[in-house]
N, C-alpha and C. Protein backbone atom coordinates (compact mmCIF):
# COMPACT_ATOMS: atom_id res chain seq x y z
N MET A 1 1.01 -1.56 -0.15
CA MET A 1 -0.31 -0.18 -0.21
C MET A 1 1.07 0.89 0.02
N GLY A 2 0.54 2.74 -0.80
CA GLY A 2 0.89 2.92 -0.51
C GLY A 2 0.03 4.81 -1.40
N HIS A 3 0.61 5.65 -1.12
CA HIS A 3 -0.23 7.02 -1.41
C HIS A 3 0.87 7.76 -2.57
N ALA A 4 0.24 8.80 -3.12
CA ALA A 4 -0.04 9.22 -4.31
C ALA A 4 -0.54 10.78 -4.52
N TYR A 5 1.32 11.63 -4.68
CA TYR A 5 0.90 12.86 -4.19
C TYR A 5 0.61 13.23 -5.67
N LEU A 6 0.13 14.77 -6.11
CA LEU A 6 0.14 15.25 -6.94
C LEU A 6 0.58 16.84 -6.79
N TYR A 7 2.25 17.40 -7.84
CA TYR A 7 1.99 18.57 -7.33
C TYR A 7 2.30 18.80 -8.56
N ARG A 8 1.58 20.27 -8.47
CA ARG A 8 1.17 21.39 -9.60
C ARG A 8 1.83 22.97 -9.25
N CYS A 9 2.50 22.90 -10.81
CA CYS A 9 3.15 23.97 -10.75
C CYS A 9 2.17 25.06 -10.56
N GLU A 10 2.14 26.45 -9.57
CA GLU A 10 1.86 28.03 -9.86
C GLU A 10 1.10 28.56 -10.83
N HIS A 11 2.40 28.87 -11.30
CA HIS A 11 3.84 29.40 -12.20
C HIS A 11 3.50 28.85 -13.60
N CYS A 12 3.65 27.76 -14.08
CA CYS A 12 2.96 27.48 -15.72
C CYS A 12 2.61 25.71 -15.80
N GLY A 13 1.52 25.39 -14.64
CA GLY A 13 0.92 24.29 -14.34
C GLY A 13 1.80 23.15 -15.04
N PHE A 14 2.36 23.15 -14.39
CA PHE A 14 3.16 21.93 -14.85
C PHE A 14 2.69 20.34 -13.24
N GLU A 15 2.09 19.62 -14.18
CA GLU A 15 1.88 18.54 -12.50
C GLU A 15 3.09 16.67 -12.54
N LYS A 16 3.11 16.56 -11.63
CA LYS A 16 3.34 15.29 -11.67
C LYS A 16 2.73 15.11 -10.92
N SER A 17 3.57 13.52 -10.57
CA SER A 17 2.85 12.34 -9.57
C SER A 17 3.85 11.99 -8.63
N PHE A 18 4.11 11.75 -7.52
CA PHE A 18 4.75 11.27 -6.75
C PHE A 18 4.25 9.92 -6.06
N ASN A 19 4.83 8.97 -5.65
CA ASN A 19 4.41 7.97 -5.44
C ASN A 19 5.40 7.05 -3.88
N GLU A 20 5.18 6.64 -2.95
CA GLU A 20 5.70 6.94 -1.94
C GLU A 20 5.25 5.14 -1.61
N GLY A 21 5.48 4.42 -0.81
CA GLY A 21 5.16 2.86 0.25
C GLY A 21 5.04 2.22 -0.96
N HIS A 22 5.49 0.62 -0.52
CA HIS A 22 5.45 -0.41 -1.44
C HIS A 22 3.49 -0.77 -1.73
N GLY A 23 4.02 -2.11 -2.89
CA GLY A 23 2.29 -2.43 -3.44
C GLY A 23 2.88 -3.53 -3.94
N PHE A 24 2.63 -4.18 -4.74
CA PHE A 24 2.10 -5.66 -5.58
C PHE A 24 3.19 -6.04 -6.12
N LEU A 25 4.41 -5.27 -7.10
CA LEU A 25 5.48 -5.58 -8.02
C LEU A 25 6.34 -5.51 -6.56
N ILE A 26 6.64 -4.34 -6.51
CA ILE A 26 7.34 -3.53 -5.21
C ILE A 26 6.83 -3.49 -3.48
N HIS A 27 7.81 -4.98 -3.27
CA HIS A 27 7.51 -5.09 -1.04
C HIS A 27 8.80 -5.67 -1.30
N SER A 28 8.76 -6.07 -0.21
CA SER A 28 9.50 -6.66 0.76
C SER A 28 9.41 -8.25 0.38
N GLN A 29 10.37 -8.76 0.56
CA GLN A 29 10.82 -10.46 0.44
C GLN A 29 12.08 -11.06 0.82
N PRO A 30 12.48 -12.40 0.10
CA PRO A 30 13.88 -12.97 -0.08
C PRO A 30 14.02 -12.45 -0.59
N VAL A 31 15.46 -11.75 -1.12
CA VAL A 31 16.61 -12.31 -2.27
C VAL A 31 16.07 -13.94 -3.38
N LYS A 32 16.48 -14.61 -2.61
CA LYS A 32 16.37 -15.66 -3.41
C LYS A 32 14.61 -15.38 -4.40
N ASP A 33 13.83 -15.20 -3.60
CA ASP A 33 12.63 -14.67 -3.73
C ASP A 33 11.75 -14.18 -5.06
N TYR A 34 13.18 -12.60 -4.92
CA TYR A 34 12.73 -11.87 -5.79
C TYR A 34 14.15 -12.51 -7.50
N LEU A 35 15.48 -12.67 -7.43
CA LEU A 35 15.33 -13.33 -8.16
C LEU A 35 15.27 -14.12 -9.65
N LYS A 36 14.12 -14.81 -8.38
CA LYS A 36 13.56 -16.02 -9.45
C LYS A 36 12.70 -15.37 -10.50
N LYS A 37 12.36 -14.12 -9.76
CA LYS A 37 11.08 -13.70 -10.65
C LYS A 37 11.94 -12.88 -12.01
N ARG A 38 11.13 -13.21 -13.32
CA ARG A 38 11.85 -12.67 -14.10
C ARG A 38 11.49 -11.45 -14.98
N THR A 39 10.03 -10.62 -13.40
CA THR A 39 10.06 -8.92 -13.72
C THR A 39 11.35 -8.27 -13.39
N LYS A 40 12.61 -7.07 -13.36
CA LYS A 40 13.45 -6.52 -13.32
C LYS A 40 12.67 -5.26 -12.84
N LEU A 41 12.83 -5.23 -11.19
CA LEU A 41 12.78 -3.91 -11.23
C LEU A 41 13.11 -2.75 -10.53
N PHE A 42 14.33 -3.29 -10.81
CA PHE A 42 15.80 -2.67 -10.20
C PHE A 42 16.59 -2.25 -12.06
N HIS A 43 17.30 -0.63 -11.30
CA HIS A 43 18.93 -0.74 -11.96
C HIS A 43 18.98 -2.20 -11.96
N TYR A 44 19.66 -2.07 -13.61
CA TYR A 44 20.53 -3.34 -13.71
C TYR A 44 21.88 -3.76 -13.35
N LYS A 45 22.19 -2.39 -12.14
CA LYS A 45 23.70 -2.47 -11.79
C LYS A 45 23.17 -3.43 -10.59
N THR A 46 21.51 -2.77 -9.88
CA THR A 46 21.41 -2.64 -8.62
C THR A 46 21.44 -3.59 -8.69
N ARG A 47 20.24 -4.83 -9.97
CA ARG A 47 20.05 -5.80 -9.17
C ARG A 47 21.48 -6.96 -9.59
N ASN A 48 22.62 -6.37 -10.69
CA ASN A 48 23.20 -7.28 -10.41
C ASN A 48 24.43 -6.93 -8.98
N LEU A 49 24.24 -5.85 -8.55
CA LEU A 49 24.88 -5.91 -7.40
C LEU A 49 23.99 -7.37 -6.00
N ILE A 50 22.76 -7.53 -6.25
CA ILE A 50 22.19 -8.55 -5.17
C ILE A 50 22.62 -9.49 -6.06
N LYS A 51 22.88 -9.93 -7.01
CA LYS A 51 22.58 -11.53 -7.34
C LYS A 51 24.47 -11.66 -7.39
N LYS A 52 25.17 -10.58 -7.12
CA LYS A 52 26.46 -11.10 -6.41
C LYS A 52 26.31 -10.87 -5.11
N LEU A 53 25.84 -10.25 -4.28
CA LEU A 53 25.35 -11.00 -2.31
C LEU A 53 25.18 -11.53 -2.15
N ALA A 54 23.72 -12.34 -3.16
CA ALA A 54 23.41 -13.64 -3.12
C ALA A 54 24.64 -14.92 -3.00
N GLU A 55 25.60 -14.25 -3.73
CA GLU A 55 26.36 -15.49 -3.77
C GLU A 55 26.92 -15.72 -2.96
N LYS A 56 26.75 -14.85 -2.08
CA LYS A 56 27.97 -15.40 -0.83
C LYS A 56 26.80 -15.60 -0.04
N ASN A 57 25.59 -15.00 0.33
CA ASN A 57 24.23 -15.55 1.58
C ASN A 57 23.70 -15.74 1.03
N SER A 58 22.53 -17.11 1.36
CA SER A 58 21.63 -17.02 0.14
C SER A 58 20.74 -16.35 1.80
N ASN A 59 20.72 -16.01 2.18
CA ASN A 59 19.77 -15.91 3.62
C ASN A 59 19.54 -14.72 3.50
N LEU A 60 19.46 -13.73 1.81
CA LEU A 60 19.51 -12.21 2.80
C LEU A 60 18.41 -12.11 2.69
N PHE A 61 17.67 -10.67 3.33
CA PHE A 61 16.06 -10.27 2.92
C PHE A 61 16.39 -8.61 2.20
N LEU A 62 15.10 -8.65 1.28
CA LEU A 62 15.27 -7.02 0.45
C LEU A 62 13.94 -6.98 1.43
N LYS A 63 14.18 -5.66 1.29
CA LYS A 63 13.12 -4.68 1.21
C LYS A 63 13.15 -3.13 0.20
N ALA A 64 11.54 -3.44 -0.12
CA ALA A 64 11.69 -2.26 -1.36
C ALA A 64 11.12 -1.56 -1.40
N GLY A 65 10.27 -0.24 -1.80
CA GLY A 65 9.49 0.77 -1.96
C GLY A 65 9.77 1.98 -2.05
N PHE A 66 9.26 2.30 -3.40
CA PHE A 66 8.99 3.98 -3.63
C PHE A 66 9.55 4.82 -1.71
N GLN A 67 10.21 6.02 -2.60
CA GLN A 67 10.57 6.78 -1.77
C GLN A 67 10.67 8.02 -1.93
N ILE A 68 10.40 9.30 -1.62
CA ILE A 68 10.39 10.79 -2.05
C ILE A 68 12.04 10.66 -1.96
N TYR A 69 12.88 11.54 -2.78
CA TYR A 69 14.09 11.95 -2.24
C TYR A 69 13.14 13.33 -2.64
N LYS A 70 14.94 14.23 -2.47
CA LYS A 70 14.60 15.74 -3.01
C LYS A 70 15.81 16.37 -3.34
N CYS A 71 16.48 16.78 -4.35
CA CYS A 71 17.99 17.17 -4.40
C CYS A 71 17.99 18.29 -3.49
N PRO A 72 19.53 18.26 -1.92
CA PRO A 72 19.46 19.39 -0.95
C PRO A 72 20.51 20.55 -2.45
N LYS A 73 20.93 20.75 -3.28
CA LYS A 73 21.19 21.45 -4.89
C LYS A 73 20.02 22.21 -5.30
N CYS A 74 19.72 21.00 -5.50
CA CYS A 74 18.65 21.93 -6.92
C CYS A 74 17.41 22.22 -5.64
N ASN A 75 16.87 21.30 -5.58
CA ASN A 75 16.10 21.30 -4.71
C ASN A 75 14.10 20.56 -5.70
N LEU A 76 15.18 19.78 -6.65
CA LEU A 76 13.94 19.41 -7.34
C LEU A 76 13.53 17.95 -6.53
N LEU A 77 12.62 17.24 -6.97
CA LEU A 77 12.14 16.30 -5.99
C LEU A 77 11.82 14.70 -7.24
N TYR A 78 12.55 13.51 -6.37
CA TYR A 78 12.12 12.62 -7.14
C TYR A 78 11.87 11.38 -6.93
N ASP A 79 11.15 10.80 -7.30
CA ASP A 79 10.36 9.19 -6.56
C ASP A 79 10.95 8.29 -7.10
N LYS A 80 12.01 6.95 -6.23
CA LYS A 80 12.35 6.82 -7.09
C LYS A 80 12.71 5.41 -6.41
N ILE A 81 12.72 4.02 -6.47
CA ILE A 81 12.50 2.71 -5.61
C ILE A 81 13.70 1.79 -4.96
N GLU A 82 13.29 2.30 -4.04
CA GLU A 82 15.13 2.17 -2.69
C GLU A 82 14.84 0.31 -2.82
N ALA A 83 15.84 -0.18 -2.58
CA ALA A 83 16.26 -1.30 -2.48
C ALA A 83 16.72 -1.45 -0.99
N VAL A 84 16.83 -1.94 0.20
CA VAL A 84 17.13 -2.27 1.09
C VAL A 84 18.17 -4.09 1.34
N VAL A 85 19.18 -4.36 1.17
CA VAL A 85 18.85 -5.72 1.60
C VAL A 85 20.16 -5.88 3.29
N TYR A 86 19.23 -6.90 3.41
CA TYR A 86 19.12 -7.05 4.83
C TYR A 86 20.20 -8.60 5.37
N ASP A 87 21.13 -8.85 6.37
CA ASP A 87 21.31 -9.84 6.14
C ASP A 87 21.65 -9.79 7.83
N ASP A 88 20.48 -10.72 8.24
CA ASP A 88 20.80 -11.18 9.61
C ASP A 88 20.04 -9.97 10.49
N GLY A 89 19.42 -8.92 9.57
CA GLY A 89 18.76 -7.43 10.35
C GLY A 89 19.51 -6.82 10.27
N LYS A 90 21.02 -6.66 9.69
CA LYS A 90 22.03 -5.83 9.39
C LYS A 90 21.25 -5.46 7.97
N VAL A 91 22.08 -3.93 7.26
CA VAL A 91 21.35 -3.60 6.10
C VAL A 91 23.14 -3.63 6.46
N ILE A 92 23.14 -4.20 4.38
CA ILE A 92 24.43 -4.62 4.06
C ILE A 92 24.55 -3.76 1.86
N HIS A 93 23.38 -3.54 2.09
CA HIS A 93 23.16 -2.03 0.65
C HIS A 93 22.14 -2.02 0.93
N ARG A 94 22.63 -0.12 0.68
CA ARG A 94 21.03 0.32 -0.01
C ARG A 94 21.53 1.52 -0.67
N THR A 95 20.50 1.07 -1.80
CA THR A 95 20.22 1.95 -3.25
C THR A 95 20.61 3.09 -2.94
N ARG A 96 21.70 3.87 -3.60
CA ARG A 96 21.42 5.74 -3.63
C ARG A 96 21.22 6.10 -5.22
N PHE A 97 20.77 7.55 -4.42
CA PHE A 97 21.25 8.23 -6.28
C PHE A 97 20.94 9.58 -6.54
N ARG A 98 22.03 10.04 -7.05
CA ARG A 98 22.15 11.60 -7.06
C ARG A 98 21.28 12.08 -8.38
N CYS A 99 20.94 13.16 -8.15
CA CYS A 99 19.62 13.75 -8.61
C CYS A 99 20.33 14.31 -10.34
N ASN A 100 19.61 14.41 -11.53
CA ASN A 100 20.36 14.11 -12.88
C ASN A 100 20.86 15.48 -13.63
N ARG A 101 20.26 16.40 -12.45
CA ARG A 101 20.47 18.02 -13.29
C ARG A 101 22.37 18.48 -12.62
N CYS A 102 22.54 17.62 -10.95
CA CYS A 102 23.59 18.86 -10.71
C CYS A 102 24.24 17.31 -10.56
N LYS A 103 23.73 16.03 -10.08
CA LYS A 103 24.91 14.87 -9.81
C LYS A 103 24.87 14.56 -8.10
N THR A 104 24.47 15.71 -7.66
CA THR A 104 24.40 15.56 -6.23
C THR A 104 23.31 14.23 -5.88
N ARG A 105 24.10 13.53 -4.60
CA ARG A 105 23.56 12.46 -3.14
C ARG A 105 22.12 13.18 -3.35
N LEU A 106 21.07 12.45 -3.71
CA LEU A 106 19.64 12.63 -3.33
C LEU A 106 19.77 12.36 -1.77
N LYS A 107 18.83 13.14 -0.83
CA LYS A 107 17.87 13.38 -0.05
C LYS A 107 16.73 12.52 0.26
N LEU A 108 16.67 11.14 1.24
CA LEU A 108 14.84 10.88 1.60
C LEU A 108 14.25 12.28 2.26
N THR A 109 13.52 12.58 1.87
CA THR A 109 12.37 13.92 2.08
C THR A 109 11.41 13.08 2.74
N ASN A 110 10.89 14.37 3.77
CA ASN A 110 9.28 14.03 3.83
C ASN A 110 8.19 15.19 3.92
N ILE A 111 8.22 13.85 3.04
CA ILE A 111 6.66 15.36 2.11
C ILE A 111 5.30 15.54 2.68
N HIS A 112 5.43 15.43 3.47
CA HIS A 112 4.63 15.85 4.14
C HIS A 112 4.66 16.76 5.36
N ARG A 113 6.11 17.14 5.61
CA ARG A 113 6.34 18.40 5.66
C ARG A 113 6.82 19.58 4.40
N LEU A 114 7.17 19.00 4.13
CA LEU A 114 7.80 20.36 1.89
C LEU A 114 6.48 20.72 2.12
N LYS A 115 6.63 22.39 1.60
CA LYS A 115 5.64 22.70 1.94
C LYS A 115 5.70 24.24 -0.18
N ARG A 116 6.30 23.68 -0.33
CA ARG A 116 6.98 23.78 -1.81
C ARG A 116 8.57 23.32 -2.28
N THR A 117 8.48 23.55 -3.87
CA THR A 117 9.53 23.62 -4.51
C THR A 117 10.30 24.36 -5.55
N ILE A 118 11.51 23.18 -5.58
CA ILE A 118 11.44 23.75 -7.58
C ILE A 118 10.30 23.43 -9.00
N CYS A 119 10.12 23.78 -9.77
CA CYS A 119 9.10 23.47 -10.35
C CYS A 119 10.40 22.42 -11.75
N PRO A 120 10.74 21.50 -12.17
CA PRO A 120 10.99 20.98 -12.79
C PRO A 120 11.17 21.51 -14.26
N GLN A 121 9.79 22.21 -14.56
CA GLN A 121 9.47 22.24 -16.22
C GLN A 121 9.98 24.00 -15.93
N CYS A 122 9.78 25.26 -15.13
CA CYS A 122 10.28 26.73 -15.02
C CYS A 122 10.94 26.39 -14.31
N HIS A 123 11.53 25.58 -13.97
CA HIS A 123 12.60 26.56 -12.37
C HIS A 123 11.59 27.30 -11.50
N ASN A 124 10.92 27.38 -11.11
CA ASN A 124 10.50 27.94 -10.06
C ASN A 124 10.48 27.71 -8.92
N LYS A 125 10.39 28.52 -8.03
CA LYS A 125 9.64 27.87 -6.56
C LYS A 125 8.64 27.78 -6.58
N THR A 126 7.69 27.48 -7.09
CA THR A 126 6.06 27.73 -7.23
C THR A 126 5.54 26.30 -7.57
N PHE A 127 6.09 25.38 -7.32
CA PHE A 127 5.48 23.46 -6.93
C PHE A 127 5.20 23.11 -6.07
N ARG A 128 3.82 23.35 -5.66
CA ARG A 128 3.48 22.45 -4.58
C ARG A 128 2.83 22.03 -5.07
N ILE A 129 2.17 20.73 -3.90
CA ILE A 129 1.14 19.59 -3.31
C ILE A 129 -0.22 20.36 -3.62
N ASP A 130 -1.12 18.89 -4.51
CA ASP A 130 -1.86 19.49 -4.42
C ASP A 130 -3.06 18.87 -3.71
N ASN A 131 -3.49 19.09 -2.59
CA ASN A 131 -4.06 18.64 -1.32
C ASN A 131 -5.19 17.40 -2.07
N SER A 132 -5.98 18.63 -2.28
CA SER A 132 -7.14 17.34 -2.84
C SER A 132 -7.12 17.03 -3.68
N SER A 133 -5.64 15.75 -4.26
CA SER A 133 -5.50 14.48 -4.99
C SER A 133 -4.68 14.11 -4.64
N LYS A 134 -4.69 14.23 -3.61
CA LYS A 134 -4.00 12.75 -2.90
C LYS A 134 -4.79 11.19 -2.94
N LYS A 135 -3.91 10.30 -3.29
CA LYS A 135 -3.74 9.18 -3.35
C LYS A 135 -3.91 7.75 -2.35
N LEU A 136 -4.99 6.48 -1.97
CA LEU A 136 -3.80 5.39 -1.84
C LEU A 136 -3.98 4.17 -2.67
N TRP A 137 -2.75 3.94 -2.72
CA TRP A 137 -2.54 2.52 -4.04
C TRP A 137 -1.78 1.20 -3.72
N ASP A 138 -2.39 0.76 -4.33
CA ASP A 138 -1.84 -0.96 -3.91
C ASP A 138 -1.70 -1.09 -4.53
């Protein structure tokens, strides 16, 4: 279960939806179950790394879900599929993401506290959440 948030620019009217949470395909599971599936949910480098880690230890667990990130330099928002691999409760891998624009490492953000941010279309600080369009998805 997750949430979808719609952001709209007050200046140019650009709209974009951001997802947070997990659903039917994106969910937590043992790594060996994930690797048996044909569906490729992550970037090929992430998948290859997960395969390599699984060769060393067959008892790994994968926690996956959509997360919303913000670039600390550009203030642009991104929703990405985060993958965290656990070995006996200890994190051994966590995906890291970079801004498409400036290549700065993205920071996980609390979408509920974010009032406005930079519009990816017109680059004004007029990109706001549309509170009337929050949706739950499964």
